[in-house]
């Protein structure tokens, strides 16, 4: 994605966010940032800049707040149990819509897609989410073209991924999109991501 401004990727964190929804993409994107000639800035932020407690108890201290995060090239909205409250939070939905207006690429992991649907970002667009929440996605916006099989769905300026570990696949796809497939392969080798489940 050509850009004349600095390449900045922001990952939103919030209470009851799913740990791997954040940390998986973060690992990929931060590993990419260490070696890319594009010198992307990858950062985390919460609504108020305060630390959050994730769904399974991990505590995260973000870099900044939503108010101070500044312009982003890519927004990553993860999922987790905390998205249920965010879907009904009009202030958060208004913020998502505002970010959509000024952020070239909006992405989600897992049930982050439900928030995007509630905010109206996925109207009549293909999207996916965690397999256990596919029906919830269709309920949040019946016009969404729900993809029940994809690990991620790239619809140009909006990219959604399936649950949890699928966020790693999506993040590698983002590296390929933002720089090159070779760069993404290099990151994949570096983090030794080569799924072959033992069970």
C-alpha atoms as a PDB file:
ATOM      1  CA  UNK A   1       0.000   0.000   0.000  1.00  0.00           C
ATOM      2  CA  UNK A   2       1.831   3.126  -1.170  1.00  0.00           C
ATOM      3  CA  UNK A   3       1.880   5.914   1.332  1.00  0.00           C
ATOM      4  CA  UNK A   4       3.567   9.285   1.496  1.00  0.00           C
ATOM      5  CA  UNK A   5       3.156   9.525   5.255  1.00  0.00           C
ATOM      6  CA  UNK A   6       4.840   7.333   7.879  1.00  0.00           C
ATOM      7  CA  UNK A   7       3.560   3.780   7.987  1.00  0.00           C
ATOM      8  CA  UNK A   8       1.866   3.349  11.375  1.00  0.00           C
ATOM      9  CA  UNK A   9       0.008   0.293  12.639  1.00  0.00           C
ATOM     10  CA  UNK A  10      -2.066   0.567  15.814  1.00  0.00           C
ATOM     11  CA  UNK A  11      -3.444  -2.375  17.778  1.00  0.00           C
ATOM     12  CA  UNK A  12      -6.345  -1.527  20.058  1.00  0.00           C
ATOM     13  CA  UNK A  13      -6.444  -3.208  23.474  1.00  0.00           C
ATOM     14  CA  UNK A  14      -9.339  -3.270  25.940  1.00  0.00           C
ATOM     15  CA  UNK A  15     -10.498  -5.196  28.982  1.00  0.00           C
ATOM     16  CA  UNK A  16     -11.386  -8.814  28.155  1.00  0.00           C
ATOM     17  CA  UNK A  17      -9.581  -8.729  24.819  1.00  0.00           C
ATOM     18  CA  UNK A  18      -8.448 -12.186  23.693  1.00  0.00           C
ATOM     19  CA  UNK A  19      -4.707 -12.424  24.358  1.00  0.00           C
ATOM     20  CA  UNK A  20      -3.580 -14.022  21.097  1.00  0.00           C
ATOM     21  CA  UNK A  21      -5.794 -11.712  19.053  1.00  0.00           C
ATOM     22  CA  UNK A  22      -3.409  -8.940  20.110  1.00  0.00           C
ATOM     23  CA  UNK A  23      -0.124 -10.706  20.726  1.00  0.00           C
ATOM     24  CA  UNK A  24      -0.213 -12.862  17.566  1.00  0.00           C
ATOM     25  CA  UNK A  25      -0.494  -9.957  15.127  1.00  0.00           C
ATOM     26  CA  UNK A  26       1.815  -7.879  17.330  1.00  0.00           C
ATOM     27  CA  UNK A  27       4.555 -10.528  17.077  1.00  0.00           C
ATOM     28  CA  UNK A  28       4.279 -10.623  13.298  1.00  0.00           C
ATOM     29  CA  UNK A  29       4.110  -6.871  12.810  1.00  0.00           C
ATOM     30  CA  UNK A  30       6.798  -6.013  15.351  1.00  0.00           C
ATOM     31  CA  UNK A  31       9.138  -8.629  13.851  1.00  0.00           C
ATOM     32  CA  UNK A  32       8.498  -7.078  10.447  1.00  0.00           C
ATOM     33  CA  UNK A  33       9.156  -3.570  11.774  1.00  0.00           C
ATOM     34  CA  UNK A  34      12.610  -4.573  13.041  1.00  0.00           C
ATOM     35  CA  UNK A  35      13.849  -5.425   9.547  1.00  0.00           C
ATOM     36  CA  UNK A  36      11.678  -3.590   7.039  1.00  0.00           C
ATOM     37  CA  UNK A  37      13.167  -0.705   5.035  1.00  0.00           C
ATOM     38  CA  UNK A  38       9.707   0.876   5.347  1.00  0.00           C
ATOM     39  CA  UNK A  39      10.426   1.370   9.047  1.00  0.00           C
ATOM     40  CA  UNK A  40       6.817   0.917  10.177  1.00  0.00           C
ATOM     41  CA  UNK A  41       5.806   2.108  13.610  1.00  0.00           C
ATOM     42  CA  UNK A  42       3.802  -0.581  15.427  1.00  0.00           C
ATOM     43  CA  UNK A  43       2.107   0.398  18.678  1.00  0.00           C
ATOM     44  CA  UNK A  44      -0.681  -0.529  21.067  1.00  0.00           C
ATOM     45  CA  UNK A  45      -3.277   1.780  22.534  1.00  0.00           C
ATOM     46  CA  UNK A  46      -6.319   1.652  24.796  1.00  0.00           C
ATOM     47  CA  UNK A  47      -9.247   4.035  25.010  1.00  0.00           C
ATOM     48  CA  UNK A  48      -7.706   6.026  27.855  1.00  0.00           C
ATOM     49  CA  UNK A  49      -4.099   4.855  27.711  1.00  0.00           C
ATOM     50  CA  UNK A  50      -4.475   2.787  30.879  1.00  0.00           C
ATOM     51  CA  UNK A  51      -3.509  -0.857  31.192  1.00  0.00           C
ATOM     52  CA  UNK A  52      -6.014  -3.607  30.445  1.00  0.00           C
ATOM     53  CA  UNK A  53      -6.720  -7.094  31.750  1.00  0.00           C
ATOM     54  CA  UNK A  54      -7.150  -9.597  28.944  1.00  0.00           C
ATOM     55  CA  UNK A  55      -9.709 -12.396  28.787  1.00  0.00           C
ATOM     56  CA  UNK A  56      -7.494 -15.016  30.446  1.00  0.00           C
ATOM     57  CA  UNK A  57      -5.807 -12.671  32.907  1.00  0.00           C
ATOM     58  CA  UNK A  58      -2.787 -11.329  31.029  1.00  0.00           C
ATOM     59  CA  UNK A  59      -2.240  -7.647  31.780  1.00  0.00           C
ATOM     60  CA  UNK A  60      -1.059  -5.309  29.040  1.00  0.00           C
ATOM     61  CA  UNK A  61       0.244  -1.748  29.306  1.00  0.00           C
ATOM     62  CA  UNK A  62      -0.391   0.079  26.005  1.00  0.00           C
ATOM     63  CA  UNK A  63       1.835   2.708  24.453  1.00  0.00           C
ATOM     64  CA  UNK A  64      -0.761   5.457  24.372  1.00  0.00           C
ATOM     65  CA  UNK A  65      -4.438   6.386  24.323  1.00  0.00           C
ATOM     66  CA  UNK A  66      -6.947   6.541  21.492  1.00  0.00           C
ATOM     67  CA  UNK A  67      -6.952  10.322  21.767  1.00  0.00           C
ATOM     68  CA  UNK A  68      -3.169  10.534  21.408  1.00  0.00           C
ATOM     69  CA  UNK A  69      -2.479   7.681  18.996  1.00  0.00           C
ATOM     70  CA  UNK A  70      -2.398   9.974  15.972  1.00  0.00           C
ATOM     71  CA  UNK A  71      -2.950   9.032  12.316  1.00  0.00           C
ATOM     72  CA  UNK A  72      -2.739   5.327  11.507  1.00  0.00           C
ATOM     73  CA  UNK A  73      -2.199   3.501   8.250  1.00  0.00           C
ATOM     74  CA  UNK A  74      -3.687   0.322   9.704  1.00  0.00           C
ATOM     75  CA  UNK A  75      -5.975  -0.240  12.676  1.00  0.00           C
ATOM     76  CA  UNK A  76      -6.130  -3.736  14.173  1.00  0.00           C
ATOM     77  CA  UNK A  77      -9.269  -4.300  16.268  1.00  0.00           C
ATOM     78  CA  UNK A  78      -8.958  -7.620  18.106  1.00  0.00           C
ATOM     79  CA  UNK A  79     -11.776  -9.691  19.566  1.00  0.00           C
ATOM     80  CA  UNK A  80     -12.569 -11.485  22.779  1.00  0.00           C
ATOM     81  CA  UNK A  81     -15.394 -11.364  25.329  1.00  0.00           C
ATOM     82  CA  UNK A  82     -14.893  -7.615  25.727  1.00  0.00           C
ATOM     83  CA  UNK A  83     -16.266  -6.993  22.249  1.00  0.00           C
ATOM     84  CA  UNK A  84     -19.803  -7.738  23.447  1.00  0.00           C
ATOM     85  CA  UNK A  85     -19.814  -4.578  25.543  1.00  0.00           C
ATOM     86  CA  UNK A  86     -18.122  -2.590  22.774  1.00  0.00           C
ATOM     87  CA  UNK A  87     -20.843  -3.607  20.294  1.00  0.00           C
ATOM     88  CA  UNK A  88     -23.368  -1.791  22.467  1.00  0.00           C
ATOM     89  CA  UNK A  89     -21.131   1.164  23.341  1.00  0.00           C
ATOM     90  CA  UNK A  90     -22.248   4.048  21.121  1.00  0.00           C
ATOM     91  CA  UNK A  91     -19.166   6.080  21.984  1.00  0.00           C
ATOM     92  CA  UNK A  92     -16.888   3.248  20.850  1.00  0.00           C
ATOM     93  CA  UNK A  93     -18.907   2.667  17.688  1.00  0.00           C
ATOM     94  CA  UNK A  94     -18.717   6.372  16.864  1.00  0.00           C
ATOM     95  CA  UNK A  95     -14.943   6.210  17.382  1.00  0.00           C
ATOM     96  CA  UNK A  96     -14.709   3.210  15.033  1.00  0.00           C
ATOM     97  CA  UNK A  97     -16.644   5.124  12.373  1.00  0.00           C
ATOM     98  CA  UNK A  98     -14.395   8.150  12.833  1.00  0.00           C
ATOM     99  CA  UNK A  99     -11.306   5.964  12.488  1.00  0.00           C
ATOM    100  CA  UNK A 100     -12.783   4.428   9.347  1.00  0.00           C
ATOM    101  CA  UNK A 101     -13.075   7.884   7.820  1.00  0.00           C
ATOM    102  CA  UNK A 102      -9.368   8.613   8.256  1.00  0.00           C
ATOM    103  CA  UNK A 103      -7.629   5.219   8.358  1.00  0.00           C
ATOM    104  CA  UNK A 104      -6.756   3.611   5.002  1.00  0.00           C
ATOM    105  CA  UNK A 105      -6.929   0.020   6.245  1.00  0.00           C
ATOM    106  CA  UNK A 106      -9.259  -1.265   8.964  1.00  0.00           C
ATOM    107  CA  UNK A 107      -8.623  -4.814  10.148  1.00  0.00           C
ATOM    108  CA  UNK A 108     -10.121  -7.072  12.774  1.00  0.00           C
ATOM    109  CA  UNK A 109      -9.300 -10.345  14.467  1.00  0.00           C
ATOM    110  CA  UNK A 110     -11.942 -12.791  15.683  1.00  0.00           C
ATOM    111  CA  UNK A 111     -14.988 -11.053  17.170  1.00  0.00           C
ATOM    112  CA  UNK A 112     -13.523  -7.646  16.432  1.00  0.00           C
ATOM    113  CA  UNK A 113     -15.576  -8.111  13.250  1.00  0.00           C
ATOM    114  CA  UNK A 114     -18.758  -7.978  15.348  1.00  0.00           C
ATOM    115  CA  UNK A 115     -17.836  -4.461  16.455  1.00  0.00           C
ATOM    116  CA  UNK A 116     -17.191  -3.446  12.859  1.00  0.00           C
ATOM    117  CA  UNK A 117     -20.563  -4.898  11.876  1.00  0.00           C
ATOM    118  CA  UNK A 118     -22.308  -3.036  14.698  1.00  0.00           C
ATOM    119  CA  UNK A 119     -20.620   0.173  13.532  1.00  0.00           C
ATOM    120  CA  UNK A 120     -21.842  -0.367   9.975  1.00  0.00           C
ATOM    121  CA  UNK A 121     -18.433  -1.005   8.420  1.00  0.00           C
ATOM    122  CA  UNK A 122     -19.320  -4.392   6.960  1.00  0.00           C
ATOM    123  CA  UNK A 123     -22.615  -3.601   5.261  1.00  0.00           C
ATOM    124  CA  UNK A 124     -22.979  -5.809   2.160  1.00  0.00           C
ATOM    125  CA  UNK A 125     -19.309  -6.789   2.390  1.00  0.00           C
ATOM    126  CA  UNK A 126     -17.622 -10.185   2.764  1.00  0.00           C
ATOM    127  CA  UNK A 127     -16.190 -10.841   6.223  1.00  0.00           C
ATOM    128  CA  UNK A 128     -15.395 -13.558   8.719  1.00  0.00           C
ATOM    129  CA  UNK A 129     -14.943 -14.059  12.434  1.00  0.00           C
ATOM    130  CA  UNK A 130     -14.416 -16.855  14.975  1.00  0.00           C
ATOM    131  CA  UNK A 131     -16.303 -19.983  13.917  1.00  0.00           C
ATOM    132  CA  UNK A 132     -18.448 -19.869  17.060  1.00  0.00           C
ATOM    133  CA  UNK A 133     -19.526 -16.297  16.265  1.00  0.00           C
ATOM    134  CA  UNK A 134     -20.451 -16.591  12.588  1.00  0.00           C
ATOM    135  CA  UNK A 135     -24.154 -16.506  13.432  1.00  0.00           C
ATOM    136  CA  UNK A 136     -23.590 -13.505  15.698  1.00  0.00           C
ATOM    137  CA  UNK A 137     -21.917 -11.709  12.799  1.00  0.00           C
ATOM    138  CA  UNK A 138     -24.901 -12.380  10.577  1.00  0.00           C
ATOM    139  CA  UNK A 139     -27.211 -11.150  13.344  1.00  0.00           C
ATOM    140  CA  UNK A 140     -25.175  -7.972  13.940  1.00  0.00           C
ATOM    141  CA  UNK A 141     -25.655  -7.044  10.275  1.00  0.00           C
ATOM    142  CA  UNK A 142     -27.741  -9.392   8.105  1.00  0.00           C
ATOM    143  CA  UNK A 143     -26.254  -7.858   4.940  1.00  0.00           C
ATOM    144  CA  UNK A 144     -22.737  -9.141   5.734  1.00  0.00           C
ATOM    145  CA  UNK A 145     -21.565 -11.805   3.289  1.00  0.00           C
ATOM    146  CA  UNK A 146     -20.294 -14.196   5.937  1.00  0.00           C
ATOM    147  CA  UNK A 147     -17.400 -16.406   4.827  1.00  0.00           C
ATOM    148  CA  UNK A 148     -17.531 -19.525   6.985  1.00  0.00           C
ATOM    149  CA  UNK A 149     -14.303 -21.075   5.687  1.00  0.00           C
ATOM    150  CA  UNK A 150     -11.697 -18.332   5.306  1.00  0.00           C
ATOM    151  CA  UNK A 151      -8.834 -17.708   7.713  1.00  0.00           C
ATOM    152  CA  UNK A 152      -9.072 -14.059   6.650  1.00  0.00           C
ATOM    153  CA  UNK A 153     -11.046 -12.014   4.153  1.00  0.00           C
ATOM    154  CA  UNK A 154      -9.400  -9.094   2.347  1.00  0.00           C
ATOM    155  CA  UNK A 155     -12.026  -6.750   0.931  1.00  0.00           C
ATOM    156  CA  UNK A 156      -9.681  -3.929   0.032  1.00  0.00           C
ATOM    157  CA  UNK A 157      -9.891  -1.314   2.756  1.00  0.00           C
ATOM    158  CA  UNK A 158     -11.310  -3.742   5.335  1.00  0.00           C
ATOM    159  CA  UNK A 159      -9.712  -7.052   6.311  1.00  0.00           C
ATOM    160  CA  UNK A 160     -11.307  -9.439   8.812  1.00  0.00           C
ATOM    161  CA  UNK A 161      -9.895 -12.667  10.179  1.00  0.00           C
ATOM    162  CA  UNK A 162     -11.266 -15.749  11.842  1.00  0.00           C
ATOM    163  CA  UNK A 163     -10.552 -16.563  15.454  1.00  0.00           C
ATOM    164  CA  UNK A 164      -7.471 -16.244  17.596  1.00  0.00           C
ATOM    165  CA  UNK A 165      -4.506 -17.785  15.715  1.00  0.00           C
ATOM    166  CA  UNK A 166      -6.003 -16.699  12.379  1.00  0.00           C
ATOM    167  CA  UNK A 167      -4.881 -13.200  13.317  1.00  0.00           C
ATOM    168  CA  UNK A 168      -1.298 -14.352  12.731  1.00  0.00           C
ATOM    169  CA  UNK A 169      -2.205 -15.394   9.194  1.00  0.00           C
ATOM    170  CA  UNK A 170      -3.912 -12.058   8.621  1.00  0.00           C
ATOM    171  CA  UNK A 171      -0.909 -10.135   9.948  1.00  0.00           C
ATOM    172  CA  UNK A 172       1.419 -12.022   7.602  1.00  0.00           C
ATOM    173  CA  UNK A 173      -0.963 -11.126   4.782  1.00  0.00           C
ATOM    174  CA  UNK A 174      -0.726  -7.473   5.856  1.00  0.00           C
ATOM    175  CA  UNK A 175       3.075  -7.627   5.656  1.00  0.00           C
ATOM    176  CA  UNK A 176       2.795  -9.074   2.152  1.00  0.00           C
ATOM    177  CA  UNK A 177       0.340  -6.326   1.190  1.00  0.00           C
ATOM    178  CA  UNK A 178       2.249  -3.463   2.751  1.00  0.00           C
ATOM    179  CA  UNK A 179       5.703  -4.583   1.611  1.00  0.00           C
ATOM    180  CA  UNK A 180       6.062  -7.905  -0.222  1.00  0.00           C
ATOM    181  CA  UNK A 181       5.457 -11.641  -0.089  1.00  0.00           C
ATOM    182  CA  UNK A 182       9.195 -12.144   0.417  1.00  0.00           C
ATOM    183  CA  UNK A 183       9.096  -9.871   3.464  1.00  0.00           C
ATOM    184  CA  UNK A 184       6.147 -11.843   4.849  1.00  0.00           C
ATOM    185  CA  UNK A 185       7.956 -15.135   4.254  1.00  0.00           C
ATOM    186  CA  UNK A 186      10.984 -13.748   6.064  1.00  0.00           C
ATOM    187  CA  UNK A 187       8.851 -12.846   9.070  1.00  0.00           C
ATOM    188  CA  UNK A 188       7.182 -16.260   9.026  1.00  0.00           C
ATOM    189  CA  UNK A 189      10.571 -17.980   9.057  1.00  0.00           C
ATOM    190  CA  UNK A 190      11.846 -15.664  11.762  1.00  0.00           C
ATOM    191  CA  UNK A 191       8.997 -16.412  14.149  1.00  0.00           C
ATOM    192  CA  UNK A 192       9.063 -20.091  13.108  1.00  0.00           C
ATOM    193  CA  UNK A 193       5.377 -20.098  12.239  1.00  0.00           C
ATOM    194  CA  UNK A 194       4.707 -23.282  10.321  1.00  0.00           C
ATOM    195  CA  UNK A 195       1.472 -24.778  11.631  1.00  0.00           C
ATOM    196  CA  UNK A 196       1.485 -28.548  11.998  1.00  0.00           C
ATOM    197  CA  UNK A 197      -0.735 -29.218  15.012  1.00  0.00           C
ATOM    198  CA  UNK A 198       0.450 -32.197  17.108  1.00  0.00           C
ATOM    199  CA  UNK A 199      -3.125 -33.235  17.947  1.00  0.00           C
END
